[in-house]
Amino acid sequence: MPRDIAAEKQIAMQVRREFNRAGLDISRLEVVNIGGNITLYGWIRRAKGDVSKESVEARVNRLIDRIKRMPGVRDVTNNARIREE
């Protein structure tokens, strides 16, 4: 069965949108989607001007749980480094 590359790119863009909504800086994050398996590479950190008390790691874990419930997503692997600055 051939892969639907356009659908994979769309899911990857939805994942990036979720990270942006959470107030995280993902300018150095690479989101790769192959067959519904999403892999995160790079750096995730707090956005400039964000003064919330919640840790970045807690936000990322909550987002990964939300992303796993998206249609078309099988699994999420986080290989990104988290910076708490």
C-alpha atoms as a PDB file:
ATOM      1  CA  MET A   1       0.000   0.000   0.000  1.00  0.00           C
ATOM      2  CA  PRO A   2       1.538   3.365  -0.988  1.00  0.00           C
ATOM      3  CA  ARG A   3       2.206   6.011   1.632  1.00  0.00           C
ATOM      4  CA  ASP A   4       0.126   9.177   1.584  1.00  0.00           C
ATOM      5  CA  ILE A   5       2.905  11.751   1.882  1.00  0.00           C
ATOM      6  CA  ALA A   6       0.550  14.739   1.885  1.00  0.00           C
ATOM      7  CA  ALA A   7      -1.409  13.331   4.832  1.00  0.00           C
ATOM      8  CA  GLU A   8       1.837  12.639   6.722  1.00  0.00           C
ATOM      9  CA  LYS A   9       2.991  16.239   6.203  1.00  0.00           C
ATOM     10  CA  GLN A  10      -0.373  17.539   7.350  1.00  0.00           C
ATOM     11  CA  ILE A  11      -0.202  15.513  10.581  1.00  0.00           C
ATOM     12  CA  ALA A  12       3.349  16.781  11.206  1.00  0.00           C
ATOM     13  CA  MET A  13       2.112  20.363  10.776  1.00  0.00           C
ATOM     14  CA  GLN A  14      -0.738  19.697  13.218  1.00  0.00           C
ATOM     15  CA  VAL A  15       1.814  18.427  15.753  1.00  0.00           C
ATOM     16  CA  ARG A  16       3.880  21.612  15.343  1.00  0.00           C
ATOM     17  CA  ARG A  17       0.698  23.680  15.781  1.00  0.00           C
ATOM     18  CA  GLU A  18      -0.065  21.920  19.082  1.00  0.00           C
ATOM     19  CA  PHE A  19       3.416  22.736  20.386  1.00  0.00           C
ATOM     20  CA  ASN A  20       2.991  26.385  19.401  1.00  0.00           C
ATOM     21  CA  ARG A  21      -0.363  26.587  21.180  1.00  0.00           C
ATOM     22  CA  ALA A  22       1.280  25.354  24.375  1.00  0.00           C
ATOM     23  CA  GLY A  23       3.680  28.309  24.455  1.00  0.00           C
ATOM     24  CA  LEU A  24       6.810  26.382  23.581  1.00  0.00           C
ATOM     25  CA  ASP A  25       9.697  27.482  21.361  1.00  0.00           C
ATOM     26  CA  ILE A  26      10.101  24.791  18.709  1.00  0.00           C
ATOM     27  CA  SER A  27      12.266  26.740  16.276  1.00  0.00           C
ATOM     28  CA  ARG A  28      14.950  24.049  16.651  1.00  0.00           C
ATOM     29  CA  LEU A  29      12.561  21.061  16.602  1.00  0.00           C
ATOM     30  CA  GLU A  30      12.232  18.610  13.725  1.00  0.00           C
ATOM     31  CA  VAL A  31       8.948  16.680  13.486  1.00  0.00           C
ATOM     32  CA  VAL A  32       9.120  13.524  11.346  1.00  0.00           C
ATOM     33  CA  ASN A  33       6.041  11.460  10.519  1.00  0.00           C
ATOM     34  CA  ILE A  34       6.448   8.110   8.782  1.00  0.00           C
ATOM     35  CA  GLY A  35       3.345   5.968   8.595  1.00  0.00           C
ATOM     36  CA  GLY A  36       1.774   7.577  11.643  1.00  0.00           C
ATOM     37  CA  ASN A  37       4.879   7.142  13.814  1.00  0.00           C
ATOM     38  CA  ILE A  38       5.937  10.632  14.893  1.00  0.00           C
ATOM     39  CA  THR A  39       9.495  11.282  16.003  1.00  0.00           C
ATOM     40  CA  LEU A  40      10.674  14.536  17.586  1.00  0.00           C
ATOM     41  CA  TYR A  41      14.317  15.635  17.204  1.00  0.00           C
ATOM     42  CA  GLY A  42      16.095  18.775  18.381  1.00  0.00           C
ATOM     43  CA  TRP A  43      15.428  21.209  21.230  1.00  0.00           C
ATOM     44  CA  ILE A  44      12.229  22.266  22.999  1.00  0.00           C
ATOM     45  CA  ARG A  45      12.247  25.228  25.348  1.00  0.00           C
ATOM     46  CA  ARG A  46      10.020  27.851  26.911  1.00  0.00           C
ATOM     47  CA  ALA A  47       8.890  30.622  24.554  1.00  0.00           C
ATOM     48  CA  LYS A  48      10.252  34.105  25.192  1.00  0.00           C
ATOM     49  CA  GLY A  49       8.038  36.078  27.513  1.00  0.00           C
ATOM     50  CA  ASP A  50       6.374  33.002  29.014  1.00  0.00           C
ATOM     51  CA  VAL A  51       6.110  33.391  32.789  1.00  0.00           C
ATOM     52  CA  SER A  52       4.000  30.346  33.669  1.00  0.00           C
ATOM     53  CA  LYS A  53       5.075  28.191  36.597  1.00  0.00           C
ATOM     54  CA  GLU A  54       4.498  24.878  34.793  1.00  0.00           C
ATOM     55  CA  SER A  55       7.675  23.105  33.734  1.00  0.00           C
ATOM     56  CA  VAL A  56       8.475  22.559  30.075  1.00  0.00           C
ATOM     57  CA  GLU A  57       8.799  18.818  30.606  1.00  0.00           C
ATOM     58  CA  ALA A  58       5.286  18.607  32.082  1.00  0.00           C
ATOM     59  CA  ARG A  59       3.878  20.507  29.096  1.00  0.00           C
ATOM     60  CA  VAL A  60       5.694  18.268  26.619  1.00  0.00           C
ATOM     61  CA  ASN A  61       4.414  15.107  28.314  1.00  0.00           C
ATOM     62  CA  ARG A  62       0.858  16.470  28.284  1.00  0.00           C
ATOM     63  CA  LEU A  63       1.203  17.369  24.594  1.00  0.00           C
ATOM     64  CA  ILE A  64       2.527  13.916  23.690  1.00  0.00           C
ATOM     65  CA  ASP A  65      -0.552  12.372  25.332  1.00  0.00           C
ATOM     66  CA  ARG A  66      -2.780  14.738  23.336  1.00  0.00           C
ATOM     67  CA  ILE A  67      -0.938  14.005  20.079  1.00  0.00           C
ATOM     68  CA  LYS A  68      -1.284  10.244  20.564  1.00  0.00           C
ATOM     69  CA  ARG A  69      -5.077  10.710  20.483  1.00  0.00           C
ATOM     70  CA  MET A  70      -5.014  12.520  17.125  1.00  0.00           C
ATOM     71  CA  PRO A  71      -6.433  10.557  14.185  1.00  0.00           C
ATOM     72  CA  GLY A  72      -3.728   8.973  12.046  1.00  0.00           C
ATOM     73  CA  VAL A  73      -1.093   8.894  14.814  1.00  0.00           C
ATOM     74  CA  ARG A  74       0.160   5.503  15.961  1.00  0.00           C
ATOM     75  CA  ASP A  75       3.003   6.427  18.298  1.00  0.00           C
ATOM     76  CA  VAL A  76       5.139   9.376  19.387  1.00  0.00           C
ATOM     77  CA  THR A  77       8.854   9.062  20.117  1.00  0.00           C
ATOM     78  CA  ASN A  78      10.518  12.013  21.816  1.00  0.00           C
ATOM     79  CA  ASN A  79      14.247  12.287  21.072  1.00  0.00           C
ATOM     80  CA  ALA A  80      14.281  16.038  21.694  1.00  0.00           C
ATOM     81  CA  ARG A  81      16.168  17.712  24.500  1.00  0.00           C
ATOM     82  CA  ILE A  82      14.137  19.844  26.865  1.00  0.00           C
ATOM     83  CA  ARG A  83      15.558  23.128  28.149  1.00  0.00           C
ATOM     84  CA  GLU A  84      13.985  24.668  31.257  1.00  0.00           C
ATOM     85  CA  GLU A  85      15.158  28.236  30.776  1.00  0.00           C
END
